[in-house]
């Protein structure tokens, strides 16, 4: 008999925001990507900007050639990427500030997400049951 835990799933908004922040950090945060081995922060910033421009150009060329957007140009690609990256960077800055100041709401969101993920992953495996001492005692 499987006992389901009394946990509610985090809201779609919270999961989306936390997923965006975690995804951003995996790519753009030098604490996690290989640029962390460059000791000078200004060089890290320079290489991140170069990579940003290179990927914008690449996606512009892909869109122009494979998707048939003949009026699509590289400058437009860079502008579109900036329009996406700037709000994400702003959101990331707010979350970093919240972590540094230890805001209660961010801690609660993370704990809620971690608890739910832990329980869901454990219940997916066979022969694992949530123990409820109140029902079995």
Protein backbone atom coordinates (compact mmCIF):
# COMPACT_ATOMS: atom_id res chain seq x y z
CA UNK A 1 0.00 0.00 0.00
CA UNK A 2 1.44 3.35 -1.02
CA UNK A 3 0.83 6.34 1.17
CA UNK A 4 0.85 9.64 -0.67
CA UNK A 5 2.50 12.50 1.16
CA UNK A 6 0.58 15.54 2.22
CA UNK A 7 2.70 17.85 0.04
CA UNK A 8 1.27 20.25 -2.44
CA UNK A 9 2.99 20.81 -5.75
CA UNK A 10 4.66 24.23 -6.08
CA UNK A 11 2.78 26.60 -8.35
CA UNK A 12 3.62 26.73 -12.04
CA UNK A 13 4.82 30.32 -11.60
CA UNK A 14 7.27 29.37 -8.84
CA UNK A 15 8.57 26.34 -10.74
CA UNK A 16 9.01 28.43 -13.89
CA UNK A 17 10.84 31.25 -12.14
CA UNK A 18 13.14 28.89 -10.24
CA UNK A 19 13.79 26.87 -13.42
CA UNK A 20 14.72 30.03 -15.32
CA UNK A 21 17.04 31.17 -12.56
CA UNK A 22 18.75 27.78 -12.30
CA UNK A 23 19.09 27.50 -16.08
CA UNK A 24 20.53 30.99 -16.30
CA UNK A 25 23.13 30.20 -13.65
CA UNK A 26 24.26 27.01 -15.36
CA UNK A 27 25.16 28.98 -18.48
CA UNK A 28 25.73 32.59 -17.54
CA UNK A 29 27.11 32.48 -13.98
CA UNK A 30 30.88 32.21 -13.87
CA UNK A 31 30.67 30.38 -10.56
CA UNK A 32 29.37 27.36 -12.50
CA UNK A 33 30.63 27.61 -16.08
CA UNK A 34 34.26 26.99 -17.20
CA UNK A 35 35.05 30.72 -17.28
CA UNK A 36 35.40 30.51 -13.50
CA UNK A 37 39.01 29.44 -14.07
CA UNK A 38 39.88 32.87 -15.53
CA UNK A 39 41.03 34.89 -12.50
CA UNK A 40 40.21 38.40 -13.84
CA UNK A 41 36.49 39.36 -13.70
CA UNK A 42 36.88 41.87 -16.53
CA UNK A 43 38.23 39.12 -18.81
CA UNK A 44 35.36 36.87 -17.77
CA UNK A 45 32.92 39.63 -18.77
CA UNK A 46 34.72 40.19 -22.06
CA UNK A 47 34.55 36.50 -22.99
CA UNK A 48 30.87 36.31 -22.02
CA UNK A 49 30.13 39.28 -24.31
CA UNK A 50 32.11 37.73 -27.15
CA UNK A 51 30.21 34.46 -26.73
CA UNK A 52 26.94 36.40 -26.66
CA UNK A 53 27.72 38.11 -29.97
CA UNK A 54 28.99 34.88 -31.57
CA UNK A 55 25.82 32.99 -30.63
CA UNK A 56 23.60 35.86 -31.79
CA UNK A 57 25.33 35.83 -35.17
CA UNK A 58 25.08 32.05 -35.37
CA UNK A 59 21.34 32.02 -34.65
CA UNK A 60 20.84 34.87 -37.12
CA UNK A 61 22.57 32.87 -39.85
CA UNK A 62 20.63 29.73 -38.99
CA UNK A 63 17.34 31.63 -39.08
CA UNK A 64 18.23 33.33 -42.36
CA UNK A 65 19.34 30.20 -44.17
CA UNK A 66 17.32 27.30 -42.78
CA UNK A 67 14.10 28.94 -41.72
CA UNK A 68 13.81 31.09 -44.81
CA UNK A 69 13.72 34.43 -43.06
CA UNK A 70 15.46 36.30 -45.84
CA UNK A 71 14.95 39.73 -44.27
CA UNK A 72 16.37 38.54 -40.95
CA UNK A 73 19.74 40.09 -40.18
CA UNK A 74 22.44 39.77 -37.57
CA UNK A 75 21.76 43.14 -35.95
CA UNK A 76 18.13 42.15 -35.44
CA UNK A 77 19.31 38.86 -33.92
CA UNK A 78 21.49 40.70 -31.41
CA UNK A 79 18.61 43.04 -30.51
CA UNK A 80 16.21 40.11 -30.04
CA UNK A 81 18.73 38.30 -27.87
CA UNK A 82 19.25 41.45 -25.78
CA UNK A 83 15.49 41.74 -25.37
CA UNK A 84 15.50 38.23 -23.89
CA UNK A 85 18.75 38.32 -21.92
CA UNK A 86 18.30 41.70 -20.18
CA UNK A 87 15.07 40.76 -18.31
CA UNK A 88 16.59 37.40 -17.39
CA UNK A 89 19.70 39.14 -16.07
CA UNK A 90 17.50 41.56 -14.10
CA UNK A 91 15.58 38.64 -12.58
CA UNK A 92 18.83 36.89 -11.74
CA UNK A 93 20.16 40.04 -10.06
CA UNK A 94 17.04 40.26 -7.90
CA UNK A 95 17.40 36.62 -6.89
CA UNK A 96 21.10 37.03 -6.07
CA UNK A 97 20.24 40.07 -3.94
CA UNK A 98 17.50 38.10 -2.21
CA UNK A 99 19.90 35.23 -1.48
CA UNK A 100 22.53 37.60 -0.13
CA UNK A 101 20.05 39.37 2.13
CA UNK A 102 18.39 36.10 3.10
CA UNK A 103 14.84 37.04 2.18
CA UNK A 104 12.32 34.66 3.65
CA UNK A 105 10.20 34.22 0.50
CA UNK A 106 13.11 32.91 -1.57
CA UNK A 107 14.09 30.41 1.13
CA UNK A 108 10.50 29.21 1.30
CA UNK A 109 10.29 28.79 -2.50
CA UNK A 110 13.53 26.79 -2.58
CA UNK A 111 12.57 24.59 0.35
CA UNK A 112 9.13 23.93 -1.13
CA UNK A 113 10.65 22.99 -4.51
CA UNK A 114 13.33 20.78 -2.91
CA UNK A 115 10.85 18.94 -0.67
CA UNK A 116 8.45 18.29 -3.52
CA UNK A 117 11.21 17.14 -5.90
CA UNK A 118 12.69 14.84 -3.27
CA UNK A 119 9.37 13.17 -2.48
CA UNK A 120 8.32 12.83 -6.13
CA UNK A 121 11.67 11.28 -7.10
CA UNK A 122 11.53 8.83 -4.22
CA UNK A 123 7.97 7.77 -4.99
CA UNK A 124 8.90 7.06 -8.61
CA UNK A 125 11.14 4.20 -7.53
CA UNK A 126 9.64 0.83 -6.76
CA UNK A 127 9.35 -0.44 -3.20
CA UNK A 128 9.63 3.02 -1.68
CA UNK A 129 6.70 4.06 0.48
CA UNK A 130 6.13 7.26 2.39
CA UNK A 131 6.02 6.25 6.05
CA UNK A 132 3.29 7.80 8.12
CA UNK A 133 3.96 7.07 11.79
CA UNK A 134 0.53 8.38 12.84
CA UNK A 135 -1.28 5.69 10.86
CA UNK A 136 1.08 2.83 11.67
CA UNK A 137 1.83 3.55 15.31
